[in-house]
C-alpha cells in the first residue's frame, strides 16, 4: 500500500480473505451459466445471493479490522468503512466508491431483499465481483509489505 505501515492480525485477515475467495469461486461458477439458465434456477439465485453476502461481509470485516487496529476514524456505517480506507491511502478512491456501492447493494439484499430483481443478481455476478477481487489483491499486497 505504497509504504503505509499498518498493524493487523495476519491470521484473522487471511481467514476473511479465504472466505471471500471461496465465495468468489462459487460466484464464478454461477456466472458461467447463461442468464436464462441462471434465472430459471432458484438454487442458483439463492446461492448467488448468499455468496455475494459472504464476499461483501468478508471485505467489510477486513476493512473494520484495519480501521480498528490502526486507530483510524470510526466509520458511520458499513459503506463508510471503505471511505475511511480511501482517506488513509489504503485503497484508491475509485475502488472505494465501487465497494461503497457494493455495500449499499448488500444492505438492500439483507433488508429489502424482496425488491431486488434476480437479473440484478446475475449482472453483479458478471460485472461487479471484480471489485471484491481488486480489494483482496490490495490486501494481499499489504500482507506482503
N, C-alpha and C. Protein backbone atom coordinates (compact mmCIF):
# COMPACT_ATOMS: atom_id res chain seq x y z
N UNK A 1 0.82 -1.18 0.00
CA UNK A 1 0.00 0.00 0.00
C UNK A 1 0.87 1.25 0.00
N UNK A 2 1.83 1.22 -0.85
CA UNK A 2 2.63 2.41 -1.05
C UNK A 2 3.42 2.83 0.16
N UNK A 3 3.97 1.90 0.92
CA UNK A 3 4.81 2.24 2.06
C UNK A 3 4.05 2.58 3.33
N UNK A 4 2.76 2.44 3.33
CA UNK A 4 1.98 2.68 4.53
C UNK A 4 2.20 1.52 5.47
N UNK A 5 2.58 1.84 6.71
CA UNK A 5 2.81 0.79 7.70
C UNK A 5 1.53 0.57 8.49
N UNK A 6 0.99 -0.63 8.40
CA UNK A 6 -0.27 -0.94 9.06
C UNK A 6 -0.09 -2.04 10.09
N UNK A 7 -0.86 -1.93 11.15
CA UNK A 7 -0.95 -3.01 12.14
C UNK A 7 -2.12 -3.88 11.73
N UNK A 8 -1.96 -5.19 11.89
CA UNK A 8 -3.06 -6.11 11.59
C UNK A 8 -2.73 -7.49 12.11
N UNK A 9 -3.77 -8.28 12.28
CA UNK A 9 -3.64 -9.69 12.66
C UNK A 9 -3.70 -10.48 11.36
N UNK A 10 -2.55 -10.94 10.91
CA UNK A 10 -2.46 -11.60 9.60
C UNK A 10 -3.38 -12.82 9.53
N UNK A 11 -3.42 -13.61 10.59
CA UNK A 11 -4.26 -14.82 10.58
C UNK A 11 -5.74 -14.47 10.41
N UNK A 12 -6.17 -13.45 11.14
CA UNK A 12 -7.57 -13.02 11.06
C UNK A 12 -7.91 -12.53 9.64
N UNK A 13 -7.03 -11.72 9.09
CA UNK A 13 -7.28 -11.19 7.75
C UNK A 13 -7.26 -12.32 6.72
N UNK A 14 -6.31 -13.23 6.83
CA UNK A 14 -6.22 -14.31 5.84
C UNK A 14 -7.44 -15.23 5.91
N UNK A 15 -8.01 -15.39 7.09
CA UNK A 15 -9.24 -16.19 7.22
C UNK A 15 -10.37 -15.53 6.42
N UNK A 16 -10.49 -14.21 6.54
CA UNK A 16 -11.54 -13.49 5.81
C UNK A 16 -11.26 -13.50 4.30
N UNK A 17 -9.99 -13.34 3.94
CA UNK A 17 -9.62 -13.40 2.52
C UNK A 17 -10.01 -14.76 1.95
N UNK A 18 -9.72 -15.81 2.70
CA UNK A 18 -10.05 -17.17 2.25
C UNK A 18 -11.56 -17.35 2.09
N UNK A 19 -12.33 -16.83 3.05
CA UNK A 19 -13.80 -16.92 2.95
C UNK A 19 -14.30 -16.19 1.70
N UNK A 20 -13.75 -15.00 1.47
CA UNK A 20 -14.16 -14.22 0.29
C UNK A 20 -13.76 -14.94 -1.00
N UNK A 21 -12.56 -15.51 -1.02
CA UNK A 21 -12.12 -16.23 -2.22
C UNK A 21 -12.99 -17.44 -2.51
N UNK A 22 -13.39 -18.16 -1.47
CA UNK A 22 -14.30 -19.30 -1.67
C UNK A 22 -15.63 -18.84 -2.25
N UNK A 23 -16.15 -17.74 -1.70
CA UNK A 23 -17.41 -17.20 -2.21
C UNK A 23 -17.25 -16.75 -3.66
N UNK A 24 -16.13 -16.11 -3.97
CA UNK A 24 -15.88 -15.66 -5.35
C UNK A 24 -15.80 -16.84 -6.31
N UNK A 25 -15.18 -17.91 -5.87
CA UNK A 25 -15.10 -19.10 -6.72
C UNK A 25 -16.51 -19.63 -7.02
N UNK A 26 -17.35 -19.68 -6.00
CA UNK A 26 -18.74 -20.12 -6.21
C UNK A 26 -19.46 -19.17 -7.16
N UNK A 27 -19.22 -17.88 -7.02
CA UNK A 27 -19.86 -16.90 -7.89
C UNK A 27 -19.37 -17.03 -9.33
N UNK A 28 -18.08 -17.30 -9.50
CA UNK A 28 -17.55 -17.51 -10.85
C UNK A 28 -18.23 -18.70 -11.52
N UNK A 29 -18.41 -19.77 -10.76
CA UNK A 29 -19.09 -20.95 -11.31
C UNK A 29 -20.51 -20.60 -11.72
N UNK A 30 -21.21 -19.85 -10.88
CA UNK A 30 -22.58 -19.46 -11.20
C UNK A 30 -22.64 -18.53 -12.40
N UNK A 31 -21.62 -17.70 -12.55
CA UNK A 31 -21.63 -16.75 -13.67
C UNK A 31 -21.37 -17.44 -15.01
N UNK A 32 -20.96 -18.70 -14.97
CA UNK A 32 -20.72 -19.42 -16.22
C UNK A 32 -22.03 -19.85 -16.90
N UNK A 33 -23.12 -19.80 -16.15
CA UNK A 33 -24.42 -20.13 -16.75
C UNK A 33 -24.94 -18.95 -17.55
N UNK A 34 -25.72 -19.25 -18.56
CA UNK A 34 -26.36 -18.17 -19.30
C UNK A 34 -27.35 -17.47 -18.36
N UNK A 35 -27.67 -16.25 -18.69
CA UNK A 35 -28.64 -15.52 -17.88
C UNK A 35 -29.96 -16.28 -17.81
N UNK A 36 -30.38 -16.82 -18.93
CA UNK A 36 -31.64 -17.56 -18.98
C UNK A 36 -31.61 -18.77 -18.04
N UNK A 37 -30.54 -19.57 -18.11
CA UNK A 37 -30.44 -20.75 -17.24
C UNK A 37 -30.34 -20.36 -15.77
N UNK A 38 -29.58 -19.30 -15.50
CA UNK A 38 -29.43 -18.82 -14.13
C UNK A 38 -30.79 -18.42 -13.55
N UNK A 39 -31.53 -17.63 -14.31
CA UNK A 39 -32.80 -17.09 -13.81
C UNK A 39 -33.89 -18.15 -13.66
N UNK A 40 -33.74 -19.27 -14.34
CA UNK A 40 -34.72 -20.35 -14.22
C UNK A 40 -34.48 -21.23 -12.99
N UNK A 41 -33.32 -21.09 -12.35
CA UNK A 41 -32.96 -22.00 -11.27
C UNK A 41 -32.90 -21.25 -9.93
N UNK A 42 -33.88 -21.48 -9.08
CA UNK A 42 -33.95 -20.77 -7.79
C UNK A 42 -32.75 -21.09 -6.89
N UNK A 43 -32.16 -22.28 -7.06
CA UNK A 43 -30.99 -22.65 -6.25
C UNK A 43 -29.77 -21.83 -6.66
N UNK A 44 -29.61 -21.57 -7.94
CA UNK A 44 -28.52 -20.72 -8.41
C UNK A 44 -28.67 -19.31 -7.84
N UNK A 45 -29.90 -18.81 -7.90
CA UNK A 45 -30.16 -17.46 -7.42
C UNK A 45 -29.89 -17.36 -5.92
N UNK A 46 -30.38 -18.32 -5.16
CA UNK A 46 -30.15 -18.32 -3.70
C UNK A 46 -28.67 -18.44 -3.38
N UNK A 47 -27.97 -19.30 -4.08
CA UNK A 47 -26.54 -19.47 -3.86
C UNK A 47 -25.78 -18.18 -4.19
N UNK A 48 -26.18 -17.53 -5.27
CA UNK A 48 -25.53 -16.28 -5.65
C UNK A 48 -25.73 -15.22 -4.58
N UNK A 49 -26.95 -15.09 -4.08
CA UNK A 49 -27.22 -14.10 -3.04
C UNK A 49 -26.37 -14.37 -1.80
N UNK A 50 -26.33 -15.62 -1.37
CA UNK A 50 -25.57 -15.98 -0.18
C UNK A 50 -24.07 -15.70 -0.39
N UNK A 51 -23.54 -16.11 -1.52
CA UNK A 51 -22.11 -15.92 -1.76
C UNK A 51 -21.74 -14.46 -1.97
N UNK A 52 -22.63 -13.67 -2.54
CA UNK A 52 -22.40 -12.23 -2.61
C UNK A 52 -22.32 -11.64 -1.21
N UNK A 53 -23.24 -12.05 -0.34
CA UNK A 53 -23.22 -11.57 1.04
C UNK A 53 -21.92 -11.95 1.74
N UNK A 54 -21.49 -13.19 1.59
CA UNK A 54 -20.25 -13.64 2.24
C UNK A 54 -19.05 -12.83 1.73
N UNK A 55 -18.95 -12.65 0.44
CA UNK A 55 -17.82 -11.91 -0.14
C UNK A 55 -17.80 -10.46 0.36
N UNK A 56 -18.96 -9.82 0.35
CA UNK A 56 -19.03 -8.42 0.78
C UNK A 56 -18.77 -8.31 2.28
N UNK A 57 -19.36 -9.20 3.07
CA UNK A 57 -19.15 -9.19 4.52
C UNK A 57 -17.67 -9.39 4.86
N UNK A 58 -17.00 -10.27 4.14
CA UNK A 58 -15.58 -10.51 4.40
C UNK A 58 -14.78 -9.23 4.15
N UNK A 59 -15.10 -8.50 3.09
CA UNK A 59 -14.42 -7.23 2.80
C UNK A 59 -14.68 -6.21 3.91
N UNK A 60 -15.92 -6.13 4.36
CA UNK A 60 -16.26 -5.22 5.45
C UNK A 60 -15.48 -5.59 6.71
N UNK A 61 -15.42 -6.88 7.03
CA UNK A 61 -14.69 -7.33 8.22
C UNK A 61 -13.21 -6.98 8.14
N UNK A 62 -12.61 -7.17 6.97
CA UNK A 62 -11.20 -6.82 6.78
C UNK A 62 -11.01 -5.32 6.98
N UNK A 63 -11.89 -4.53 6.37
CA UNK A 63 -11.80 -3.08 6.50
C UNK A 63 -11.92 -2.64 7.96
N UNK A 64 -12.91 -3.17 8.67
CA UNK A 64 -13.09 -2.83 10.08
C UNK A 64 -11.86 -3.22 10.89
N UNK A 65 -11.28 -4.37 10.59
CA UNK A 65 -10.10 -4.82 11.32
C UNK A 65 -8.95 -3.83 11.14
N UNK A 66 -8.70 -3.42 9.89
CA UNK A 66 -7.63 -2.46 9.63
C UNK A 66 -7.90 -1.12 10.30
N UNK A 67 -9.14 -0.68 10.26
CA UNK A 67 -9.52 0.59 10.88
C UNK A 67 -9.31 0.53 12.39
N UNK A 68 -9.76 -0.53 13.00
CA UNK A 68 -9.64 -0.69 14.45
C UNK A 68 -8.19 -0.80 14.90
N UNK A 69 -7.44 -1.68 14.26
CA UNK A 69 -6.04 -1.92 14.65
C UNK A 69 -5.17 -0.68 14.47
N UNK A 70 -5.55 0.20 13.55
CA UNK A 70 -4.73 1.36 13.23
C UNK A 70 -5.34 2.67 13.72
N UNK A 71 -6.36 2.55 14.55
CA UNK A 71 -6.99 3.70 15.21
C UNK A 71 -7.39 4.81 14.23
N UNK A 72 -7.97 4.38 13.13
CA UNK A 72 -8.50 5.35 12.16
C UNK A 72 -9.86 5.82 12.67
N UNK A 73 -10.39 6.83 12.02
CA UNK A 73 -11.69 7.33 12.48
C UNK A 73 -12.75 6.24 12.37
N UNK A 74 -13.68 6.27 13.29
CA UNK A 74 -14.75 5.28 13.34
C UNK A 74 -15.72 5.50 12.18
N UNK A 75 -15.97 4.49 11.37
CA UNK A 75 -16.91 4.64 10.25
C UNK A 75 -18.34 4.86 10.75
N UNK A 76 -19.11 5.62 9.98
CA UNK A 76 -20.50 5.88 10.34
C UNK A 76 -21.41 4.71 9.98
N UNK A 77 -21.02 3.95 8.98
CA UNK A 77 -21.80 2.79 8.55
C UNK A 77 -20.88 1.88 7.75
N UNK A 78 -21.42 0.77 7.25
CA UNK A 78 -20.59 -0.18 6.51
C UNK A 78 -19.95 0.45 5.28
N UNK A 79 -20.71 1.22 4.53
CA UNK A 79 -20.15 1.84 3.32
C UNK A 79 -19.01 2.78 3.68
N UNK A 80 -19.14 3.47 4.80
CA UNK A 80 -18.12 4.43 5.22
C UNK A 80 -16.79 3.75 5.57
N UNK A 81 -16.80 2.45 5.85
CA UNK A 81 -15.53 1.77 6.15
C UNK A 81 -14.57 1.92 4.98
N UNK A 82 -15.10 1.86 3.77
CA UNK A 82 -14.23 1.97 2.60
C UNK A 82 -13.81 3.41 2.35
N UNK A 83 -14.65 4.37 2.73
CA UNK A 83 -14.26 5.78 2.65
C UNK A 83 -13.08 6.02 3.59
N UNK A 84 -13.12 5.42 4.79
CA UNK A 84 -12.03 5.56 5.75
C UNK A 84 -10.73 4.99 5.16
N UNK A 85 -10.82 3.85 4.49
CA UNK A 85 -9.63 3.26 3.87
C UNK A 85 -9.09 4.17 2.76
N UNK A 86 -9.98 4.81 2.01
CA UNK A 86 -9.55 5.76 0.98
C UNK A 86 -8.84 6.94 1.64
N UNK A 87 -9.44 7.50 2.68
CA UNK A 87 -8.87 8.65 3.39
C UNK A 87 -7.46 8.35 3.91
N UNK A 88 -7.21 7.11 4.23
CA UNK A 88 -5.91 6.72 4.79
C UNK A 88 -4.96 6.14 3.74
N UNK A 89 -5.33 6.25 2.47
CA UNK A 89 -4.45 5.85 1.39
C UNK A 89 -4.28 4.35 1.22
N UNK A 90 -5.21 3.58 1.74
CA UNK A 90 -5.10 2.12 1.68
C UNK A 90 -5.66 1.58 0.37
N UNK A 91 -6.75 2.19 -0.10
CA UNK A 91 -7.31 1.82 -1.41
C UNK A 91 -7.56 3.10 -2.20
N UNK A 92 -7.68 2.94 -3.50
CA UNK A 92 -7.92 4.10 -4.37
C UNK A 92 -9.35 4.62 -4.18
N UNK A 93 -9.53 5.86 -4.56
CA UNK A 93 -10.87 6.45 -4.47
C UNK A 93 -11.86 5.70 -5.37
N UNK A 94 -11.39 5.33 -6.56
CA UNK A 94 -12.26 4.60 -7.50
C UNK A 94 -12.73 3.28 -6.89
N UNK A 95 -11.80 2.50 -6.34
CA UNK A 95 -12.17 1.23 -5.73
C UNK A 95 -13.07 1.47 -4.52
N UNK A 96 -12.74 2.47 -3.73
CA UNK A 96 -13.57 2.79 -2.55
C UNK A 96 -15.01 3.07 -2.93
N UNK A 97 -15.20 3.85 -3.99
CA UNK A 97 -16.57 4.16 -4.43
C UNK A 97 -17.30 2.91 -4.90
N UNK A 98 -16.60 2.05 -5.64
CA UNK A 98 -17.21 0.81 -6.13
C UNK A 98 -17.61 -0.10 -4.96
N UNK A 99 -16.74 -0.18 -3.95
CA UNK A 99 -17.04 -1.02 -2.78
C UNK A 99 -18.19 -0.43 -1.96
N UNK A 100 -18.27 0.90 -1.90
CA UNK A 100 -19.39 1.53 -1.20
C UNK A 100 -20.71 1.19 -1.88
N UNK A 101 -20.71 1.18 -3.21
CA UNK A 101 -21.92 0.79 -3.95
C UNK A 101 -22.27 -0.67 -3.67
N UNK A 102 -21.25 -1.50 -3.58
CA UNK A 102 -21.49 -2.92 -3.32
C UNK A 102 -22.09 -3.10 -1.91
N UNK A 103 -21.61 -2.32 -0.95
CA UNK A 103 -22.17 -2.41 0.40
C UNK A 103 -23.62 -1.96 0.41
N UNK A 104 -23.93 -0.94 -0.35
CA UNK A 104 -25.33 -0.49 -0.43
C UNK A 104 -26.20 -1.59 -1.04
N UNK A 105 -25.65 -2.29 -2.04
CA UNK A 105 -26.36 -3.43 -2.62
C UNK A 105 -26.55 -4.51 -1.56
N UNK A 106 -25.51 -4.77 -0.77
CA UNK A 106 -25.60 -5.75 0.32
C UNK A 106 -26.71 -5.36 1.29
N UNK A 107 -26.80 -4.09 1.63
CA UNK A 107 -27.84 -3.63 2.55
C UNK A 107 -29.23 -3.90 1.98
N UNK A 108 -29.39 -3.66 0.70
CA UNK A 108 -30.69 -3.95 0.07
C UNK A 108 -30.96 -5.45 0.08
N UNK A 109 -29.94 -6.23 -0.17
CA UNK A 109 -30.08 -7.68 -0.20
C UNK A 109 -30.49 -8.22 1.17
N UNK A 110 -29.98 -7.60 2.23
CA UNK A 110 -30.30 -8.05 3.59
C UNK A 110 -31.63 -7.49 4.08
N UNK A 111 -31.87 -6.21 3.82
CA UNK A 111 -33.01 -5.54 4.46
C UNK A 111 -34.25 -5.39 3.58
N UNK A 112 -34.08 -5.32 2.27
CA UNK A 112 -35.25 -5.21 1.39
C UNK A 112 -35.07 -6.17 0.20
N UNK A 113 -34.76 -7.39 0.56
CA UNK A 113 -34.46 -8.43 -0.43
C UNK A 113 -35.59 -8.64 -1.43
N UNK A 114 -36.81 -8.40 -1.04
CA UNK A 114 -37.94 -8.63 -1.94
C UNK A 114 -37.97 -7.64 -3.10
N UNK A 115 -37.22 -6.55 -3.00
CA UNK A 115 -37.19 -5.55 -4.07
C UNK A 115 -36.10 -5.82 -5.10
N UNK A 116 -35.21 -6.76 -4.82
CA UNK A 116 -34.08 -6.98 -5.71
C UNK A 116 -34.48 -7.92 -6.84
N UNK A 117 -34.29 -7.44 -8.04
CA UNK A 117 -34.57 -8.20 -9.25
C UNK A 117 -33.47 -9.24 -9.44
N UNK A 118 -33.84 -10.47 -9.74
CA UNK A 118 -32.86 -11.53 -9.90
C UNK A 118 -31.90 -11.26 -11.06
N UNK A 119 -32.34 -10.50 -12.05
CA UNK A 119 -31.44 -10.11 -13.15
C UNK A 119 -30.29 -9.27 -12.61
N UNK A 120 -30.60 -8.44 -11.62
CA UNK A 120 -29.56 -7.60 -10.99
C UNK A 120 -28.51 -8.49 -10.32
N UNK A 121 -28.95 -9.56 -9.70
CA UNK A 121 -28.02 -10.51 -9.08
C UNK A 121 -27.10 -11.08 -10.15
N UNK A 122 -27.67 -11.49 -11.26
CA UNK A 122 -26.87 -12.07 -12.35
C UNK A 122 -25.84 -11.06 -12.86
N UNK A 123 -26.25 -9.81 -13.01
CA UNK A 123 -25.32 -8.80 -13.52
C UNK A 123 -24.22 -8.49 -12.51
N UNK A 124 -24.53 -8.57 -11.23
CA UNK A 124 -23.47 -8.44 -10.21
C UNK A 124 -22.45 -9.56 -10.38
N UNK A 125 -22.92 -10.76 -10.62
CA UNK A 125 -22.01 -11.89 -10.84
C UNK A 125 -21.08 -11.63 -12.01
N UNK A 126 -21.64 -11.12 -13.07
CA UNK A 126 -20.88 -10.92 -14.30
C UNK A 126 -19.94 -9.72 -14.23
N UNK A 127 -20.36 -8.66 -13.54
CA UNK A 127 -19.65 -7.39 -13.65
C UNK A 127 -18.98 -6.88 -12.38
N UNK A 128 -19.59 -7.07 -11.24
CA UNK A 128 -19.16 -6.33 -10.06
C UNK A 128 -18.30 -7.10 -9.06
N UNK A 129 -18.22 -8.41 -9.18
CA UNK A 129 -17.39 -9.14 -8.22
C UNK A 129 -15.90 -8.83 -8.42
N UNK A 130 -15.55 -8.24 -9.55
CA UNK A 130 -14.15 -7.83 -9.77
C UNK A 130 -13.70 -6.82 -8.73
N UNK A 131 -14.63 -6.03 -8.21
CA UNK A 131 -14.27 -5.06 -7.18
C UNK A 131 -13.79 -5.77 -5.91
N UNK A 132 -14.44 -6.86 -5.57
CA UNK A 132 -14.01 -7.65 -4.41
C UNK A 132 -12.63 -8.24 -4.69
N UNK A 133 -12.44 -8.76 -5.89
CA UNK A 133 -11.13 -9.32 -6.26
C UNK A 133 -10.03 -8.27 -6.16
N UNK A 134 -10.32 -7.06 -6.64
CA UNK A 134 -9.33 -5.98 -6.58
C UNK A 134 -9.01 -5.63 -5.12
N UNK A 135 -10.03 -5.57 -4.29
CA UNK A 135 -9.82 -5.28 -2.87
C UNK A 135 -8.94 -6.36 -2.23
N UNK A 136 -9.25 -7.62 -2.50
CA UNK A 136 -8.46 -8.71 -1.93
C UNK A 136 -7.02 -8.65 -2.42
N UNK A 137 -6.81 -8.27 -3.66
CA UNK A 137 -5.44 -8.11 -4.17
C UNK A 137 -4.69 -7.03 -3.41
N UNK A 138 -5.38 -5.92 -3.11
CA UNK A 138 -4.75 -4.85 -2.32
C UNK A 138 -4.40 -5.35 -0.92
N UNK A 139 -5.26 -6.15 -0.35
CA UNK A 139 -5.00 -6.69 0.99
C UNK A 139 -3.79 -7.63 0.94
N UNK A 140 -3.74 -8.47 -0.07
CA UNK A 140 -2.58 -9.38 -0.22
C UNK A 140 -1.28 -8.58 -0.36
N UNK A 141 -1.33 -7.48 -1.10
CA UNK A 141 -0.16 -6.59 -1.22
C UNK A 141 0.28 -6.12 0.15
N UNK A 142 -0.67 -5.71 0.96
CA UNK A 142 -0.38 -5.22 2.30
C UNK A 142 0.31 -6.30 3.13
N UNK A 143 -0.16 -7.51 3.03
CA UNK A 143 0.41 -8.59 3.83
C UNK A 143 1.82 -8.93 3.39
N UNK A 144 2.14 -8.64 2.14
CA UNK A 144 3.50 -8.92 1.64
C UNK A 144 4.48 -7.82 2.01
N UNK A 145 3.99 -6.61 2.27
CA UNK A 145 4.88 -5.47 2.56
C UNK A 145 5.54 -5.62 3.90
